[in-house]
């Protein structure tokens, strides 16, 4: 069976990467994870994933900076981005979804089925 799509997860917590890798691979996706915002941006440019899962708070390059890089480059601007973060305040979600216009915003902890539903919705929208 071929993969449904390539998911890149940029997250400084390697245990979260392992968890999300398990969820995504069990649902038929090809998965790449990195703990570095800078390396994540380089992987986006070289591998052109179908969707990016992005943490906001990282030590080297802030997640918002990675997001702005994605949106400001013609080769990457159409890649769907899902923010996955512990920033669970309502104002953070409003800023992410309505001001920054990310494709989805999921707060930790999350249910695996919610993550899969978000990914599938965005990739199906991309295919239409």
Protein backbone atom coordinates (compact mmCIF):
# COMPACT_ATOMS: atom_id res chain seq x y z
CA UNK A 1 0.00 0.00 0.00
CA UNK A 2 1.41 3.39 -0.91
CA UNK A 3 1.38 6.21 1.62
CA UNK A 4 -1.59 8.60 1.70
CA UNK A 5 0.79 11.54 1.86
CA UNK A 6 3.97 12.85 3.46
CA UNK A 7 3.60 14.54 6.86
CA UNK A 8 6.42 16.60 8.38
CA UNK A 9 6.25 17.30 12.13
CA UNK A 10 8.46 20.05 13.59
CA UNK A 11 8.44 19.67 17.39
CA UNK A 12 11.18 20.09 19.99
CA UNK A 13 9.87 17.19 22.14
CA UNK A 14 11.15 13.94 20.65
CA UNK A 15 8.57 11.90 22.60
CA UNK A 16 5.77 13.85 20.90
CA UNK A 17 7.38 13.14 17.53
CA UNK A 18 7.44 9.42 18.37
CA UNK A 19 3.76 9.49 19.40
CA UNK A 20 2.63 11.38 16.30
CA UNK A 21 4.81 9.16 14.07
CA UNK A 22 2.95 6.13 15.44
CA UNK A 23 -0.45 7.75 14.84
CA UNK A 24 0.37 8.90 11.31
CA UNK A 25 2.10 5.70 10.16
CA UNK A 26 -0.75 3.56 11.51
CA UNK A 27 -3.08 5.64 9.37
CA UNK A 28 -1.04 5.12 6.20
CA UNK A 29 1.03 8.32 6.05
CA UNK A 30 4.73 8.69 5.34
CA UNK A 31 6.21 10.61 8.27
CA UNK A 32 9.27 12.74 8.93
CA UNK A 33 9.95 14.42 12.26
CA UNK A 34 12.56 16.89 13.45
CA UNK A 35 13.24 18.66 16.74
CA UNK A 36 14.73 21.73 15.04
CA UNK A 37 12.83 24.61 13.49
CA UNK A 38 15.76 25.38 11.21
CA UNK A 39 16.08 21.78 10.05
CA UNK A 40 12.29 21.67 9.62
CA UNK A 41 12.39 24.66 7.28
CA UNK A 42 15.21 23.03 5.30
CA UNK A 43 13.20 19.77 5.04
CA UNK A 44 10.13 21.70 3.85
CA UNK A 45 12.19 23.20 1.03
CA UNK A 46 13.92 19.95 0.04
CA UNK A 47 11.15 17.37 0.55
CA UNK A 48 7.98 19.42 -0.12
CA UNK A 49 5.75 17.51 2.34
CA UNK A 50 2.01 17.32 1.72
CA UNK A 51 1.27 18.79 5.16
CA UNK A 52 3.28 20.30 8.04
CA UNK A 53 2.50 19.80 11.71
CA UNK A 54 4.20 22.61 13.62
CA UNK A 55 4.88 23.34 17.27
CA UNK A 56 5.11 27.02 18.19
CA UNK A 57 7.56 27.06 21.09
CA UNK A 58 10.95 25.75 20.01
CA UNK A 59 14.45 26.69 21.19
CA UNK A 60 16.18 27.47 17.88
CA UNK A 61 13.67 28.92 15.43
CA UNK A 62 10.21 29.92 16.68
CA UNK A 63 7.30 28.06 15.08
CA UNK A 64 5.70 31.31 13.94
CA UNK A 65 8.92 32.15 12.06
CA UNK A 66 8.83 28.76 10.32
CA UNK A 67 5.16 29.39 9.46
CA UNK A 68 5.97 32.83 8.02
CA UNK A 69 8.78 31.28 5.96
CA UNK A 70 6.35 28.70 4.56
CA UNK A 71 3.77 31.32 3.60
CA UNK A 72 6.26 33.78 2.13
CA UNK A 73 7.84 31.43 -0.42
CA UNK A 74 5.97 30.60 -3.65
CA UNK A 75 7.16 26.96 -3.65
CA UNK A 76 5.81 26.29 -0.13
CA UNK A 77 2.95 28.74 0.47
CA UNK A 78 0.22 26.23 -0.46
CA UNK A 79 1.38 23.51 1.95
CA UNK A 80 -1.28 23.10 4.68
CA UNK A 81 -0.01 23.83 8.20
CA UNK A 82 -1.52 22.51 11.43
CA UNK A 83 -0.28 24.13 14.61
CA UNK A 84 0.04 21.63 17.47
CA UNK A 85 0.84 23.47 20.70
CA UNK A 86 0.41 23.63 24.43
CA UNK A 87 -0.71 27.26 24.01
CA UNK A 88 -4.34 26.54 24.80
CA UNK A 89 -5.69 30.00 25.59
CA UNK A 90 -8.67 31.01 23.44
CA UNK A 91 -6.80 34.13 22.29
CA UNK A 92 -3.92 31.98 21.00
CA UNK A 93 -6.31 29.89 18.91
CA UNK A 94 -8.08 32.99 17.57
CA UNK A 95 -4.73 34.55 16.63
CA UNK A 96 -3.61 31.35 14.93
CA UNK A 97 -6.77 30.61 12.98
CA UNK A 98 -8.03 34.09 12.16
CA UNK A 99 -5.06 36.44 12.26
CA UNK A 100 -2.22 34.20 11.03
CA UNK A 101 -4.70 32.06 9.05
CA UNK A 102 -3.13 28.68 9.80
CA UNK A 103 -5.10 25.77 8.38
CA UNK A 104 -5.87 24.24 11.78
CA UNK A 105 -4.87 24.69 15.42
CA UNK A 106 -4.75 21.72 17.80
CA UNK A 107 -3.91 22.04 21.48
CA UNK A 108 -2.01 19.49 23.54
CA UNK A 109 -3.08 17.12 24.85
CA UNK A 110 -5.15 15.99 21.87
CA UNK A 111 -7.02 12.86 20.88
CA UNK A 112 -5.32 10.88 18.08
CA UNK A 113 -8.57 10.73 16.11
CA UNK A 114 -8.81 14.55 16.17
CA UNK A 115 -5.33 14.85 14.69
CA UNK A 116 -6.06 12.27 11.99
CA UNK A 117 -9.38 13.97 11.15
CA UNK A 118 -7.65 17.35 10.76
CA UNK A 119 -4.92 15.91 8.52
CA UNK A 120 -7.39 14.01 6.36
CA UNK A 121 -9.71 17.02 6.01
CA UNK A 122 -6.85 19.26 4.87
CA UNK A 123 -5.32 16.74 2.49
CA UNK A 124 -8.73 15.97 0.96
CA UNK A 125 -9.32 19.71 0.52
CA UNK A 126 -5.91 19.94 -1.14
CA UNK A 127 -6.85 17.14 -3.58
CA UNK A 128 -10.12 18.82 -4.67
